[in-house]
Amino acid sequence: LVLFGVYWFNRYVLIRRLLAMHGLIPFLAGGLIFILLFSTPISALLLLMPLNNVTDFTLLPSENHNPFDPFNSQMTFWLLMFSTPIILAFERKSQDARVADKARRQPRTELQMLQQQ
């Protein structure tokens, strides 16, 4: 669920809003702000889950029951780093498909307009 939340924020907020509308620098700043503001609360929420109380196992990447550990923020950074190119590739593929579909439909509509005249 946490991975999906990071993916969703990266795709819909960072990439579609910041990167597409404002450019690279606001995108990088938004990613840094996301890491700084949300890594610790997400880690704290993961520590509240019952699975952490059963064994020595923890859901945190740092595995030390410390939500402020820098490794937790580093893991969020790497999640953003690895998911961004994948999301951009899928966005590009869907954009290319839309452009190809539009190019395929354009001669048909022009032919229909000529037939109506």
C-alpha atoms as a PDB file:
ATOM      1  CA  LEU A   1       0.000   0.000   0.000  1.00  0.00           C
ATOM      2  CA  VAL A   2       2.879   2.341   0.785  1.00  0.00           C
ATOM      3  CA  LEU A   3       4.563   1.491  -2.508  1.00  0.00           C
ATOM      4  CA  PHE A   4       1.341   2.261  -4.347  1.00  0.00           C
ATOM      5  CA  GLY A   5       1.091   5.605  -2.518  1.00  0.00           C
ATOM      6  CA  VAL A   6       4.622   6.558  -3.554  1.00  0.00           C
ATOM      7  CA  TYR A   7       3.885   5.441  -7.131  1.00  0.00           C
ATOM      8  CA  TRP A   8       0.624   7.402  -7.235  1.00  0.00           C
ATOM      9  CA  PHE A   9       2.225  10.578  -5.883  1.00  0.00           C
ATOM     10  CA  ASN A  10       5.106  10.234  -8.307  1.00  0.00           C
ATOM     11  CA  ARG A  11       2.871   9.679 -11.321  1.00  0.00           C
ATOM     12  CA  TYR A  12       0.022  12.109 -10.760  1.00  0.00           C
ATOM     13  CA  VAL A  13       1.642  14.890  -8.747  1.00  0.00           C
ATOM     14  CA  LEU A  14       5.335  14.914  -9.508  1.00  0.00           C
ATOM     15  CA  ILE A  15       5.316  13.828 -13.162  1.00  0.00           C
ATOM     16  CA  ARG A  16       1.957  14.969 -14.536  1.00  0.00           C
ATOM     17  CA  ARG A  17       1.775  18.254 -12.647  1.00  0.00           C
ATOM     18  CA  LEU A  18       5.268  19.402 -11.778  1.00  0.00           C
ATOM     19  CA  LEU A  19       7.387  17.879 -14.540  1.00  0.00           C
ATOM     20  CA  ALA A  20       4.881  18.319 -17.367  1.00  0.00           C
ATOM     21  CA  MET A  21       3.759  21.838 -16.471  1.00  0.00           C
ATOM     22  CA  HIS A  22       6.723  23.437 -14.714  1.00  0.00           C
ATOM     23  CA  GLY A  23       9.877  21.580 -15.728  1.00  0.00           C
ATOM     24  CA  LEU A  24      12.744  19.671 -14.198  1.00  0.00           C
ATOM     25  CA  ILE A  25      13.791  21.934 -11.317  1.00  0.00           C
ATOM     26  CA  PRO A  26      10.313  22.082  -9.671  1.00  0.00           C
ATOM     27  CA  PHE A  27      10.019  18.319 -10.229  1.00  0.00           C
ATOM     28  CA  LEU A  28      13.286  17.685  -8.381  1.00  0.00           C
ATOM     29  CA  ALA A  29      12.327  20.128  -5.628  1.00  0.00           C
ATOM     30  CA  GLY A  30       8.927  18.451  -5.255  1.00  0.00           C
ATOM     31  CA  GLY A  31      10.575  15.047  -5.018  1.00  0.00           C
ATOM     32  CA  LEU A  32      12.949  16.280  -2.329  1.00  0.00           C
ATOM     33  CA  ILE A  33      10.105  17.877  -0.375  1.00  0.00           C
ATOM     34  CA  PHE A  34       8.087  14.650  -0.650  1.00  0.00           C
ATOM     35  CA  ILE A  35      11.003  12.642   0.711  1.00  0.00           C
ATOM     36  CA  LEU A  36      11.634  15.053   3.580  1.00  0.00           C
ATOM     37  CA  LEU A  37       7.993  15.459   4.608  1.00  0.00           C
ATOM     38  CA  PHE A  38       6.541  11.997   4.097  1.00  0.00           C
ATOM     39  CA  SER A  39       9.298   9.439   4.759  1.00  0.00           C
ATOM     40  CA  THR A  40       9.203   9.789   8.530  1.00  0.00           C
ATOM     41  CA  PRO A  41       5.374   9.794   8.957  1.00  0.00           C
ATOM     42  CA  ILE A  42       5.047   6.816   6.607  1.00  0.00           C
ATOM     43  CA  SER A  43       7.751   4.993   8.570  1.00  0.00           C
ATOM     44  CA  ALA A  44       5.978   5.791  11.828  1.00  0.00           C
ATOM     45  CA  LEU A  45       2.695   4.460  10.431  1.00  0.00           C
ATOM     46  CA  LEU A  46       4.428   1.276   9.315  1.00  0.00           C
ATOM     47  CA  LEU A  47       5.765   0.826  12.837  1.00  0.00           C
ATOM     48  CA  LEU A  48       2.220   0.998  14.233  1.00  0.00           C
ATOM     49  CA  MET A  49       1.155  -2.069  12.259  1.00  0.00           C
ATOM     50  CA  PRO A  50       0.629  -5.229  14.360  1.00  0.00           C
ATOM     51  CA  LEU A  51       3.202  -7.224  12.381  1.00  0.00           C
ATOM     52  CA  ASN A  52       5.995  -5.194  13.979  1.00  0.00           C
ATOM     53  CA  ASN A  53       4.961  -6.325  17.483  1.00  0.00           C
ATOM     54  CA  VAL A  54       4.951 -10.056  16.758  1.00  0.00           C
ATOM     55  CA  THR A  55       8.610 -10.669  15.905  1.00  0.00           C
ATOM     56  CA  ASP A  56      11.883  -8.853  15.556  1.00  0.00           C
ATOM     57  CA  PHE A  57      10.883  -8.244  11.952  1.00  0.00           C
ATOM     58  CA  THR A  58       9.993  -4.697  10.979  1.00  0.00           C
ATOM     59  CA  LEU A  59       8.415  -3.264   7.861  1.00  0.00           C
ATOM     60  CA  LEU A  60      10.966  -0.460   7.693  1.00  0.00           C
ATOM     61  CA  PRO A  61      13.886  -0.709   5.288  1.00  0.00           C
ATOM     62  CA  SER A  62      16.299   0.221   8.105  1.00  0.00           C
ATOM     63  CA  GLU A  63      14.991  -2.682  10.276  1.00  0.00           C
ATOM     64  CA  ASN A  64      15.782  -0.842  13.527  1.00  0.00           C
ATOM     65  CA  HIS A  65      12.377   0.517  14.655  1.00  0.00           C
ATOM     66  CA  ASN A  66      13.583   4.096  14.118  1.00  0.00           C
ATOM     67  CA  PRO A  67      11.359   6.121  11.741  1.00  0.00           C
ATOM     68  CA  PHE A  68      14.002   8.879  11.612  1.00  0.00           C
ATOM     69  CA  ASP A  69      16.728   6.624  10.234  1.00  0.00           C
ATOM     70  CA  PRO A  70      18.195   8.159   7.045  1.00  0.00           C
ATOM     71  CA  PHE A  71      17.997   4.777   5.307  1.00  0.00           C
ATOM     72  CA  ASN A  72      14.192   5.053   5.285  1.00  0.00           C
ATOM     73  CA  SER A  73      14.411   8.339   3.380  1.00  0.00           C
ATOM     74  CA  GLN A  74      17.041   6.847   1.121  1.00  0.00           C
ATOM     75  CA  MET A  75      14.668   3.991   0.286  1.00  0.00           C
ATOM     76  CA  THR A  76      11.945   6.483  -0.640  1.00  0.00           C
ATOM     77  CA  PHE A  77      14.467   8.269  -2.853  1.00  0.00           C
ATOM     78  CA  TRP A  78      15.351   5.042  -4.654  1.00  0.00           C
ATOM     79  CA  LEU A  79      11.672   4.176  -5.106  1.00  0.00           C
ATOM     80  CA  LEU A  80      11.170   7.530  -6.817  1.00  0.00           C
ATOM     81  CA  MET A  81      14.340   7.090  -8.876  1.00  0.00           C
ATOM     82  CA  PHE A  82      13.358   3.657 -10.178  1.00  0.00           C
ATOM     83  CA  SER A  83       9.675   4.346 -10.739  1.00  0.00           C
ATOM     84  CA  THR A  84      10.116   7.652 -12.601  1.00  0.00           C
ATOM     85  CA  PRO A  85      11.673   6.213 -15.813  1.00  0.00           C
ATOM     86  CA  ILE A  86       9.109   3.413 -15.889  1.00  0.00           C
ATOM     87  CA  ILE A  87       6.226   5.860 -15.519  1.00  0.00           C
ATOM     88  CA  LEU A  88       7.720   8.172 -18.152  1.00  0.00           C
ATOM     89  CA  ALA A  89       8.096   5.251 -20.582  1.00  0.00           C
ATOM     90  CA  PHE A  90       4.448   4.247 -20.175  1.00  0.00           C
ATOM     91  CA  GLU A  91       3.301   7.877 -20.458  1.00  0.00           C
ATOM     92  CA  ARG A  92       5.329   8.255 -23.672  1.00  0.00           C
ATOM     93  CA  LYS A  93       3.906   5.039 -25.112  1.00  0.00           C
ATOM     94  CA  SER A  94       0.319   6.106 -24.413  1.00  0.00           C
ATOM     95  CA  GLN A  95       1.014   9.553 -25.875  1.00  0.00           C
ATOM     96  CA  ASP A  96       2.473   7.977 -29.028  1.00  0.00           C
ATOM     97  CA  ALA A  97      -0.583   5.733 -29.326  1.00  0.00           C
ATOM     98  CA  ARG A  98      -2.893   8.761 -29.070  1.00  0.00           C
ATOM     99  CA  VAL A  99      -0.916  10.641 -31.721  1.00  0.00           C
ATOM    100  CA  ALA A 100      -0.943   7.623 -34.049  1.00  0.00           C
ATOM    101  CA  ASP A 101      -4.687   7.179 -33.547  1.00  0.00           C
ATOM    102  CA  LYS A 102      -5.287  10.845 -34.305  1.00  0.00           C
ATOM    103  CA  ALA A 103      -3.117  10.641 -37.430  1.00  0.00           C
ATOM    104  CA  ARG A 104      -5.024   7.538 -38.529  1.00  0.00           C
ATOM    105  CA  ARG A 105      -8.423   9.218 -38.032  1.00  0.00           C
ATOM    106  CA  GLN A 106      -7.534  12.536 -39.669  1.00  0.00           C
ATOM    107  CA  PRO A 107      -7.604  11.367 -43.339  1.00  0.00           C
ATOM    108  CA  ARG A 108     -10.882   9.570 -42.700  1.00  0.00           C
ATOM    109  CA  THR A 109     -12.554  12.708 -41.339  1.00  0.00           C
ATOM    110  CA  GLU A 110     -11.136  14.801 -44.184  1.00  0.00           C
ATOM    111  CA  LEU A 111     -12.542  12.308 -46.688  1.00  0.00           C
ATOM    112  CA  GLN A 112     -15.942  12.429 -44.978  1.00  0.00           C
ATOM    113  CA  MET A 113     -15.927  16.229 -45.113  1.00  0.00           C
ATOM    114  CA  LEU A 114     -15.087  16.157 -48.823  1.00  0.00           C
ATOM    115  CA  GLN A 115     -17.878  13.662 -49.460  1.00  0.00           C
ATOM    116  CA  GLN A 116     -20.373  15.902 -47.651  1.00  0.00           C
ATOM    117  CA  GLN A 117     -19.527  18.825 -49.916  1.00  0.00           C
END
